[in-house]
């Protein structure tokens, strides 16, 4: 079940019974025929788990949300889920038989008819071939699709389901709006016009979608569209593709263009949170300046601080997370074994081409500093230990060679998703650089030479 949760998203919040406020959303679950002791609710960048007791009962409290479109999962089959819609203050009862989740699912609450609609009516896209059409004809078809979807939704008589009709209009509008965003790329491919450049009409249509609707700010489709349109409509920065500069440019555009506090707070948070969650807090001063200037929502700020803190385990000056790794003889080593000297750590694997390219440079570095107060340590994250053992036995590797294995707490703490990764620690095991220069970097020697007491 834990692997199932990991697959769903980057953020995991375990929730049990708790004291709730009147604006909180409360879901109670009653499950017979249990196949798992957890029900999982996914929305935005969150995964909430509600642990069932022996009788198959649990309660989940969602706080700080005005409206939520979410997916509800049970057991390990990710292809089977139920869509649900909730608004602040809702009290909801969900029941099903775990052995037939799809067939027995029952949702009791004010939004029951909306939930029934969501699980029975699905938006359909235009065929890819339509991207070959001229833009005006493609737009006409998209607009027709949107009108038909709204008409179908209204036929379900959902006016009494809170704000659902208005929210669903937004979800429909920006779901089809995304297909408009994709038109230039799709047209180049489907029409075989590789040099196609959209005209002013395309940008004018995108601009018309930059609607400030505080309720729609709760929609993923609205957020996704606006932040990407912010990049496309920003002529000065349209060609910027590197992740961080692009995110900062999008934030600047949104801060300048939007005046509604709810909309602006949500969109800026959406961009900054996603970047930091994936890439960390290194060199983000411009992003921080924009975020701290405009975002004043205390709930969003708390989420932002929490995701930043996730990376602070390995921030400069902190004691490095520890590890347990074995040498070729099976002896276990920890970080404490390397105290007293500076430590340059190479996280690598035998299958990694870029890692292998660094090995000669690492060996030369070790030779250059053989009499210096620094140790070179290689930690293998190979899944198969025997491949590491074979490579070490062949010889020719630099420094101390240890087997850490894949998915260790050390790797998780440093958020190592790509290798090689190099880490520089001081004599007491404190972090000097959690993403240090590679051995092949000609400036690494300058960094090492500048360390106090290195010689």
Protein backbone atom coordinates (compact mmCIF):
# COMPACT_ATOMS: atom_id res chain seq x y z
CA UNK A 1 0.00 0.00 0.00
CA UNK A 2 2.88 2.40 0.73
CA UNK A 3 4.18 1.94 -2.83
CA UNK A 4 0.70 2.74 -4.09
CA UNK A 5 0.69 6.01 -2.19
CA UNK A 6 4.16 6.95 -3.43
CA UNK A 7 3.10 6.47 -7.04
CA UNK A 8 0.27 8.95 -6.73
CA UNK A 9 2.08 12.17 -5.84
CA UNK A 10 4.98 13.86 -4.14
CA UNK A 11 3.17 15.03 -1.04
CA UNK A 12 1.73 12.65 1.55
CA UNK A 13 -0.47 13.79 4.42
CA UNK A 14 -1.70 11.10 6.78
CA UNK A 15 -4.96 12.16 8.36
CA UNK A 16 -6.95 10.55 11.12
CA UNK A 17 -9.76 11.72 13.36
CA UNK A 18 -9.27 15.30 14.48
CA UNK A 19 -11.10 18.31 15.80
CA UNK A 20 -12.76 20.14 12.92
CA UNK A 21 -14.18 23.60 12.30
CA UNK A 22 -17.47 24.55 10.69
CA UNK A 23 -15.76 25.38 7.38
CA UNK A 24 -13.86 22.10 7.26
CA UNK A 25 -14.93 19.30 4.93
CA UNK A 26 -15.56 16.04 6.78
CA UNK A 27 -15.79 12.69 5.03
CA UNK A 28 -16.71 9.53 6.89
CA UNK A 29 -15.92 6.15 5.34
CA UNK A 30 -17.60 2.82 6.02
CA UNK A 31 -16.07 -0.09 4.14
CA UNK A 32 -17.14 -3.71 4.22
CA UNK A 33 -15.12 -6.54 2.68
CA UNK A 34 -11.84 -4.77 3.41
CA UNK A 35 -8.92 -5.44 1.06
CA UNK A 36 -6.89 -2.55 2.48
CA UNK A 37 -6.98 -0.50 5.66
CA UNK A 38 -6.64 2.84 3.85
CA UNK A 39 -8.83 5.04 1.69
CA UNK A 40 -6.86 7.57 -0.39
CA UNK A 41 -8.11 10.98 -1.55
CA UNK A 42 -6.04 12.88 -4.13
CA UNK A 43 -6.40 16.52 -5.16
CA UNK A 44 -4.02 19.28 -6.25
CA UNK A 45 -0.57 18.26 -5.02
CA UNK A 46 -1.89 16.37 -2.00
CA UNK A 47 -2.52 12.77 -1.08
CA UNK A 48 -4.64 12.30 2.00
CA UNK A 49 -4.96 8.86 3.56
CA UNK A 50 -7.69 7.85 5.97
CA UNK A 51 -6.92 4.70 7.95
CA UNK A 52 -9.86 2.38 8.55
CA UNK A 53 -10.40 0.77 11.93
CA UNK A 54 -11.25 -2.89 12.44
CA UNK A 55 -14.90 -2.16 11.64
CA UNK A 56 -13.99 -0.46 8.37
CA UNK A 57 -14.77 3.05 9.64
CA UNK A 58 -12.69 6.23 9.45
CA UNK A 59 -13.01 9.99 9.22
CA UNK A 60 -11.10 12.42 7.02
CA UNK A 61 -10.99 16.19 7.59
CA UNK A 62 -10.01 18.57 4.77
CA UNK A 63 -9.17 22.09 5.87
CA UNK A 64 -8.52 25.36 4.08
CA UNK A 65 -10.33 24.51 0.84
CA UNK A 66 -13.31 26.36 -0.63
CA UNK A 67 -14.04 23.68 -3.23
CA UNK A 68 -12.35 20.42 -4.15
CA UNK A 69 -12.46 18.15 -7.16
CA UNK A 70 -10.78 14.97 -5.96
CA UNK A 71 -10.21 11.35 -6.88
CA UNK A 72 -10.90 8.61 -4.36
CA UNK A 73 -8.87 5.39 -4.53
CA UNK A 74 -9.10 2.12 -2.66
CA UNK A 75 -6.67 -0.84 -2.70
CA UNK A 76 -3.86 -0.97 -5.22
CA UNK A 77 -5.56 -0.69 -8.61
CA UNK A 78 -4.81 2.86 -9.78
CA UNK A 79 -7.07 2.47 -12.79
CA UNK A 80 -10.16 2.32 -10.57
CA UNK A 81 -11.19 5.50 -8.78
CA UNK A 82 -14.22 7.66 -8.11
CA UNK A 83 -14.41 11.39 -8.74
CA UNK A 84 -15.90 13.46 -5.95
CA UNK A 85 -16.75 17.13 -5.48
CA UNK A 86 -16.74 18.88 -2.11
CA UNK A 87 -17.20 22.39 -0.75
CA UNK A 88 -16.24 23.92 2.59
CA UNK A 89 -18.60 22.89 5.38
CA UNK A 90 -19.69 19.68 3.62
CA UNK A 91 -20.43 16.60 5.73
CA UNK A 92 -20.21 13.51 3.55
CA UNK A 93 -20.68 9.78 4.03
CA UNK A 94 -18.96 7.34 1.66
CA UNK A 95 -19.74 3.64 1.73
CA UNK A 96 -18.65 0.69 -0.42
CA UNK A 97 -17.69 -2.96 -0.40
CA UNK A 98 -13.93 -3.24 -0.77
CA UNK A 99 -14.31 -6.34 -2.91
CA UNK A 100 -16.44 -4.37 -5.40
CA UNK A 101 -15.37 -0.73 -4.94
CA UNK A 102 -16.53 0.40 -8.37
CA UNK A 103 -19.89 -1.34 -8.24
CA UNK A 104 -20.95 -0.52 -4.68
CA UNK A 105 -19.62 3.02 -4.23
CA UNK A 106 -22.15 5.26 -2.46
CA UNK A 107 -21.78 9.02 -1.77
CA UNK A 108 -24.28 10.64 0.61
CA UNK A 109 -24.17 14.43 0.94
CA UNK A 110 -25.34 17.71 -0.57
CA UNK A 111 -23.18 17.16 -3.65
CA UNK A 112 -24.39 13.58 -4.31
CA UNK A 113 -25.97 14.47 -7.67
CA UNK A 114 -22.83 16.32 -8.74
CA UNK A 115 -20.73 13.27 -7.86
CA UNK A 116 -23.10 11.05 -9.80
CA UNK A 117 -22.71 13.35 -12.81
CA UNK A 118 -18.89 13.38 -12.55
CA UNK A 119 -18.74 9.60 -12.60
CA UNK A 120 -21.16 9.16 -15.47
CA UNK A 121 -20.37 12.01 -17.89
CA UNK A 122 -16.87 12.51 -19.29
CA UNK A 123 -15.46 15.29 -21.45
CA UNK A 124 -14.33 14.20 -24.91
CA UNK A 125 -11.51 15.83 -26.86
CA UNK A 126 -11.40 16.74 -30.52
CA UNK A 127 -9.57 14.17 -32.64
CA UNK A 128 -5.89 14.95 -33.20
CA UNK A 129 -6.55 15.27 -36.92
CA UNK A 130 -8.46 18.50 -36.27
CA UNK A 131 -5.21 20.23 -35.37
CA UNK A 132 -4.57 20.33 -39.12
CA UNK A 133 -7.45 22.80 -39.52
CA UNK A 134 -6.86 26.56 -39.76
CA UNK A 135 -7.04 28.15 -36.32
CA UNK A 136 -10.41 29.83 -36.79
CA UNK A 137 -12.03 26.54 -37.82
CA UNK A 138 -10.35 24.68 -34.95
CA UNK A 139 -11.54 27.32 -32.48
CA UNK A 140 -15.12 27.02 -33.78
CA UNK A 141 -15.05 23.28 -33.09
CA UNK A 142 -13.62 23.76 -29.59
CA UNK A 143 -16.27 26.32 -28.73
CA UNK A 144 -18.97 23.94 -29.93
CA UNK A 145 -17.53 21.20 -27.73
CA UNK A 146 -17.61 23.52 -24.73
CA UNK A 147 -21.21 24.58 -25.38
CA UNK A 148 -22.36 20.97 -25.75
CA UNK A 149 -20.62 19.96 -22.51
CA UNK A 150 -22.19 22.83 -20.56
CA UNK A 151 -25.62 22.04 -22.02
CA UNK A 152 -25.25 18.40 -20.98
CA UNK A 153 -24.19 19.40 -17.47
CA UNK A 154 -27.16 21.73 -17.05
CA UNK A 155 -29.52 18.96 -18.18
CA UNK A 156 -28.59 17.08 -14.99
CA UNK A 157 -30.33 19.72 -12.87
CA UNK A 158 -27.47 20.52 -10.49
CA UNK A 159 -28.48 24.04 -9.46
CA UNK A 160 -28.95 22.95 -5.84
CA UNK A 161 -25.47 21.41 -5.56
CA UNK A 162 -23.80 24.48 -4.06
CA UNK A 163 -21.46 26.25 -6.49
CA UNK A 164 -21.01 23.15 -8.60
CA UNK A 165 -22.60 24.48 -11.81
CA UNK A 166 -20.34 27.53 -11.84
CA UNK A 167 -17.29 25.45 -10.94
CA UNK A 168 -18.08 22.88 -13.61
CA UNK A 169 -18.43 25.60 -16.25
CA UNK A 170 -14.90 26.64 -15.35
CA UNK A 171 -13.58 23.09 -15.43
CA UNK A 172 -15.13 22.55 -18.87
CA UNK A 173 -13.92 25.89 -20.21
CA UNK A 174 -10.28 25.39 -19.21
CA UNK A 175 -10.19 21.69 -20.08
CA UNK A 176 -11.00 22.65 -23.67
CA UNK A 177 -8.86 25.77 -23.35
CA UNK A 178 -5.85 23.52 -22.90
CA UNK A 179 -6.47 22.15 -26.38
CA UNK A 180 -6.27 25.72 -27.67
CA UNK A 181 -2.95 26.18 -25.88
CA UNK A 182 -1.65 23.12 -27.70
CA UNK A 183 -2.82 24.25 -31.14
CA UNK A 184 0.53 25.55 -32.52
CA UNK A 185 2.37 22.35 -31.61
CA UNK A 186 -0.47 20.15 -32.81
CA UNK A 187 -0.85 22.07 -36.06
CA UNK A 188 2.85 21.85 -36.89
CA UNK A 189 2.68 18.08 -36.51
CA UNK A 190 -0.72 17.27 -38.01
CA UNK A 191 -0.53 19.76 -40.89
CA UNK A 192 3.16 19.08 -41.49
CA UNK A 193 3.84 22.80 -41.26
CA UNK A 194 7.01 22.73 -39.19
CA UNK A 195 7.55 26.48 -39.57
CA UNK A 196 4.02 27.45 -38.51
CA UNK A 197 3.85 30.50 -36.25
CA UNK A 198 0.48 31.48 -34.71
CA UNK A 199 -0.94 34.86 -35.63
CA UNK A 200 -2.38 37.55 -33.40
CA UNK A 201 -5.78 35.82 -33.31
CA UNK A 202 -4.28 32.91 -31.35
CA UNK A 203 -2.74 35.18 -28.71
CA UNK A 204 -5.93 37.24 -28.51
CA UNK A 205 -7.97 34.12 -27.74
CA UNK A 206 -5.54 33.05 -25.02
CA UNK A 207 -5.67 36.53 -23.52
CA UNK A 208 -9.46 36.31 -23.35
CA UNK A 209 -9.09 33.28 -21.06
CA UNK A 210 -7.19 35.28 -18.42
CA UNK A 211 -10.34 35.73 -16.37
CA UNK A 212 -10.02 36.62 -12.68
CA UNK A 213 -12.49 34.29 -11.00
CA UNK A 214 -11.71 33.60 -7.33
CA UNK A 215 -13.83 30.45 -7.29
CA UNK A 216 -12.17 29.00 -10.37
CA UNK A 217 -8.80 29.43 -8.68
CA UNK A 218 -9.60 26.14 -6.92
CA UNK A 219 -9.59 24.31 -10.28
CA UNK A 220 -6.46 22.52 -11.48
CA UNK A 221 -7.56 23.12 -15.07
CA UNK A 222 -7.77 26.89 -14.47
CA UNK A 223 -4.38 26.99 -12.74
CA UNK A 224 -2.66 24.86 -15.39
CA UNK A 225 -4.04 26.98 -18.21
CA UNK A 226 -3.27 30.37 -16.67
CA UNK A 227 0.34 29.62 -15.73
CA UNK A 228 1.13 28.22 -19.19
CA UNK A 229 -0.71 31.06 -20.94
CA UNK A 230 1.35 33.44 -18.81
CA UNK A 231 4.44 32.03 -20.50
CA UNK A 232 3.01 32.11 -24.01
CA UNK A 233 1.60 35.63 -23.72
CA UNK A 234 4.79 37.06 -22.21
CA UNK A 235 6.44 38.00 -25.48
CA UNK A 236 9.65 39.14 -23.80
CA UNK A 237 10.19 35.79 -22.06
CA UNK A 238 8.38 33.44 -24.44
CA UNK A 239 11.64 31.85 -25.58
CA UNK A 240 12.81 31.14 -22.03
CA UNK A 241 12.64 27.37 -21.49
CA UNK A 242 14.90 26.69 -18.49
CA UNK A 243 12.71 25.67 -15.56
CA UNK A 244 13.64 28.27 -12.96
CA UNK A 245 13.84 31.39 -15.19
CA UNK A 246 10.57 30.35 -16.82
CA UNK A 247 8.81 29.96 -13.45
CA UNK A 248 10.08 33.37 -12.27
CA UNK A 249 8.94 35.01 -15.52
CA UNK A 250 5.49 33.42 -15.15
CA UNK A 251 5.24 34.68 -11.58
CA UNK A 252 6.20 38.21 -12.64
CA UNK A 253 3.58 38.17 -15.42
CA UNK A 254 0.86 36.98 -13.04
CA UNK A 255 1.83 39.45 -10.31
CA UNK A 256 1.57 42.30 -12.84
CA UNK A 257 -1.55 41.11 -14.67
CA UNK A 258 -3.86 39.87 -11.89
CA UNK A 259 -5.33 42.10 -9.18
CA UNK A 260 -7.73 39.75 -7.38
CA UNK A 261 -5.92 38.68 -4.21
CA UNK A 262 -7.36 35.15 -4.16
CA UNK A 263 -6.45 34.47 -7.77
CA UNK A 264 -3.00 36.02 -7.56
CA UNK A 265 -2.17 34.31 -4.25
CA UNK A 266 -3.24 30.92 -5.58
CA UNK A 267 -1.43 31.12 -8.92
CA UNK A 268 1.84 32.40 -7.45
CA UNK A 269 1.73 29.72 -4.77
CA UNK A 270 0.96 27.08 -7.38
CA UNK A 271 4.07 27.98 -9.38
CA UNK A 272 6.48 28.43 -6.47
CA UNK A 273 5.33 25.35 -4.58
CA UNK A 274 5.68 23.10 -7.62
CA UNK A 275 9.18 24.37 -8.39
CA UNK A 276 10.48 24.02 -4.83
CA UNK A 277 8.86 20.64 -4.33
CA UNK A 278 10.75 19.31 -7.34
CA UNK A 279 13.99 21.30 -7.37
CA UNK A 280 14.61 22.63 -3.89
CA UNK A 281 15.51 25.98 -2.38
CA UNK A 282 18.93 26.63 -3.84
CA UNK A 283 19.35 30.02 -5.58
CA UNK A 284 15.65 30.99 -5.51
CA UNK A 285 16.00 34.61 -4.34
CA UNK A 286 13.94 36.08 -7.21
CA UNK A 287 11.15 33.57 -6.63
CA UNK A 288 11.23 34.23 -2.88
CA UNK A 289 11.03 37.99 -3.42
CA UNK A 290 7.91 37.72 -5.58
CA UNK A 291 6.25 35.14 -3.33
CA UNK A 292 6.87 36.99 -0.07
CA UNK A 293 5.69 40.28 -1.59
CA UNK A 294 2.35 39.15 -2.98
CA UNK A 295 1.23 35.97 -1.21
CA UNK A 296 -0.48 36.83 2.08
CA UNK A 297 -2.81 33.83 2.49
CA UNK A 298 -1.68 32.22 5.76
CA UNK A 299 -2.74 28.70 4.73
CA UNK A 300 -0.77 28.92 1.50
CA UNK A 301 2.22 30.42 3.26
CA UNK A 302 2.24 27.56 5.77
CA UNK A 303 2.24 25.04 2.89
CA UNK A 304 5.06 26.93 1.22
CA UNK A 305 7.16 27.03 4.39
CA UNK A 306 6.58 23.31 4.87
CA UNK A 307 7.81 22.39 1.40
CA UNK A 308 10.84 24.62 1.86
CA UNK A 309 11.61 22.94 5.17
CA UNK A 310 11.66 19.58 3.41
CA UNK A 311 14.87 20.65 1.74
CA UNK A 312 16.39 22.17 4.83
CA UNK A 313 17.54 18.75 6.05
CA UNK A 314 20.46 19.27 3.72
CA UNK A 315 20.90 23.03 3.76
CA UNK A 316 24.36 24.54 4.06
CA UNK A 317 25.69 24.49 7.62
CA UNK A 318 23.51 21.65 8.87
CA UNK A 319 24.92 18.31 9.93
CA UNK A 320 24.58 15.90 7.05
CA UNK A 321 22.02 13.10 7.26
CA UNK A 322 23.75 9.85 8.18
CA UNK A 323 24.07 6.65 6.20
CA UNK A 324 24.90 2.99 6.65
CA UNK A 325 26.90 1.51 3.80
CA UNK A 326 29.10 -1.55 3.45
CA UNK A 327 32.55 -1.99 1.95
CA UNK A 328 33.63 -4.85 -0.31
CA UNK A 329 34.30 -7.01 2.76
CA UNK A 330 30.84 -6.43 4.19
CA UNK A 331 31.90 -4.07 7.00
CA UNK A 332 29.31 -1.43 7.83
CA UNK A 333 30.39 2.24 7.76
CA UNK A 334 28.59 5.41 8.83
CA UNK A 335 29.32 9.09 8.41
CA UNK A 336 31.08 9.12 11.78
CA UNK A 337 33.87 6.98 10.31
CA UNK A 338 34.92 9.89 8.10
CA UNK A 339 34.96 12.72 10.64
CA UNK A 340 38.18 14.71 11.07
CA UNK A 341 38.72 15.48 7.39
CA UNK A 342 36.75 17.24 4.71
CA UNK A 343 34.62 14.72 2.84
CA UNK A 344 33.81 14.78 -0.89
CA UNK A 345 31.02 12.30 -1.59
CA UNK A 346 30.25 10.85 -5.02
CA UNK A 347 26.79 9.26 -5.28
CA UNK A 348 26.91 7.04 -8.34
CA UNK A 349 25.97 3.70 -9.93
CA UNK A 350 27.76 1.32 -12.27
CA UNK A 351 25.04 1.61 -14.93
CA UNK A 352 25.24 5.44 -15.04
CA UNK A 353 27.16 6.72 -18.07
CA UNK A 354 27.77 10.26 -16.74
CA UNK A 355 28.96 8.70 -13.47
CA UNK A 356 31.53 6.59 -15.33
CA UNK A 357 32.73 9.66 -17.23
CA UNK A 358 33.60 11.32 -13.93
CA UNK A 359 35.66 8.40 -12.61
CA UNK A 360 38.99 9.35 -14.26
CA UNK A 361 38.58 12.94 -13.05
CA UNK A 362 37.79 11.71 -9.53
CA UNK A 363 40.89 9.51 -9.55
CA UNK A 364 43.05 12.46 -10.67
CA UNK A 365 41.50 14.60 -7.94
CA UNK A 366 42.30 12.02 -5.29
CA UNK A 367 45.90 11.86 -6.46
CA UNK A 368 46.20 15.66 -6.41
CA UNK A 369 44.98 15.83 -2.82
CA UNK A 370 46.44 12.60 -1.45
CA UNK A 371 48.34 14.52 1.24
CA UNK A 372 45.55 16.99 1.97
CA UNK A 373 42.97 16.94 4.74
CA UNK A 374 40.17 15.55 2.56
CA UNK A 375 38.67 12.13 1.96
CA UNK A 376 37.01 10.98 -1.25
CA UNK A 377 34.07 8.65 -0.77
CA UNK A 378 31.96 6.94 -3.42
CA UNK A 379 28.51 5.66 -2.43
CA UNK A 380 26.93 3.27 -4.91
CA UNK A 381 23.16 3.37 -5.33
CA UNK A 382 23.10 0.31 -7.58
CA UNK A 383 20.04 -1.87 -7.12
CA UNK A 384 22.09 -5.01 -7.66
CA UNK A 385 24.97 -5.23 -5.24
CA UNK A 386 26.80 -7.90 -7.23
CA UNK A 387 27.33 -5.48 -10.13
CA UNK A 388 28.94 -2.99 -7.76
CA UNK A 389 31.10 -5.74 -6.24
CA UNK A 390 32.26 -6.82 -9.71
CA UNK A 391 33.22 -3.27 -10.65
CA UNK A 392 35.08 -2.63 -7.39
CA UNK A 393 36.94 -5.94 -7.75
CA UNK A 394 38.15 -4.87 -11.19
CA UNK A 395 40.06 -2.02 -9.50
CA UNK A 396 40.99 1.41 -10.80
CA UNK A 397 38.43 3.31 -8.71
CA UNK A 398 39.31 6.30 -6.59
CA UNK A 399 38.91 6.75 -2.86
CA UNK A 400 36.72 4.77 -0.49
CA UNK A 401 34.11 2.60 -2.18
CA UNK A 402 30.93 1.74 -0.28
CA UNK A 403 27.62 0.18 -1.27
CA UNK A 404 24.63 2.26 -0.13
CA UNK A 405 21.92 0.69 -2.27
CA UNK A 406 18.92 2.27 -3.95
CA UNK A 407 16.28 4.28 -2.09
CA UNK A 408 18.19 4.75 1.17
CA UNK A 409 17.19 7.42 3.75
CA UNK A 410 20.41 9.26 2.84
CA UNK A 411 19.37 9.42 -0.82
CA UNK A 412 15.87 10.52 0.17
CA UNK A 413 17.12 13.22 2.54
CA UNK A 414 19.25 14.77 -0.20
CA UNK A 415 16.38 14.42 -2.70
CA UNK A 416 18.72 12.64 -5.10
CA UNK A 417 16.70 11.84 -8.20
CA UNK A 418 19.59 12.05 -10.69
CA UNK A 419 23.18 10.93 -10.55
CA UNK A 420 26.05 11.54 -10.34
CA UNK A 421 25.56 13.80 -7.35
CA UNK A 422 28.44 15.28 -5.37
CA UNK A 423 28.33 16.51 -1.77
CA UNK A 424 31.02 18.38 0.17
CA UNK A 425 31.12 18.18 3.98
CA UNK A 426 33.39 19.83 6.52
CA UNK A 427 35.54 18.01 9.09
CA UNK A 428 32.60 17.69 11.50
CA UNK A 429 30.18 16.36 8.90
CA UNK A 430 28.41 19.66 8.30
CA UNK A 431 27.25 20.50 4.79
CA UNK A 432 29.39 22.91 2.78
CA UNK A 433 27.62 22.20 -0.54
CA UNK A 434 24.75 19.74 -1.04
CA UNK A 435 25.14 19.83 -4.82
CA UNK A 436 28.86 20.32 -5.30
CA UNK A 437 30.90 20.76 -8.48
CA UNK A 438 31.78 17.62 -10.42
CA UNK A 439 35.37 16.31 -10.52
CA UNK A 440 35.52 17.36 -14.18
CA UNK A 441 34.74 20.97 -13.24
CA UNK A 442 37.97 22.95 -13.56
CA UNK A 443 36.89 25.21 -10.70
CA UNK A 444 36.46 22.40 -8.15
CA UNK A 445 40.15 22.56 -7.24
CA UNK A 446 39.74 26.25 -6.42
CA UNK A 447 36.87 25.35 -4.09
CA UNK A 448 38.91 22.67 -2.32
CA UNK A 449 42.04 24.83 -2.10
CA UNK A 450 39.99 27.56 -0.38
CA UNK A 451 38.91 25.21 2.46
CA UNK A 452 40.41 26.23 5.79
CA UNK A 453 43.17 23.82 6.86
CA UNK A 454 43.03 21.70 3.70
CA UNK A 455 46.83 21.44 3.63
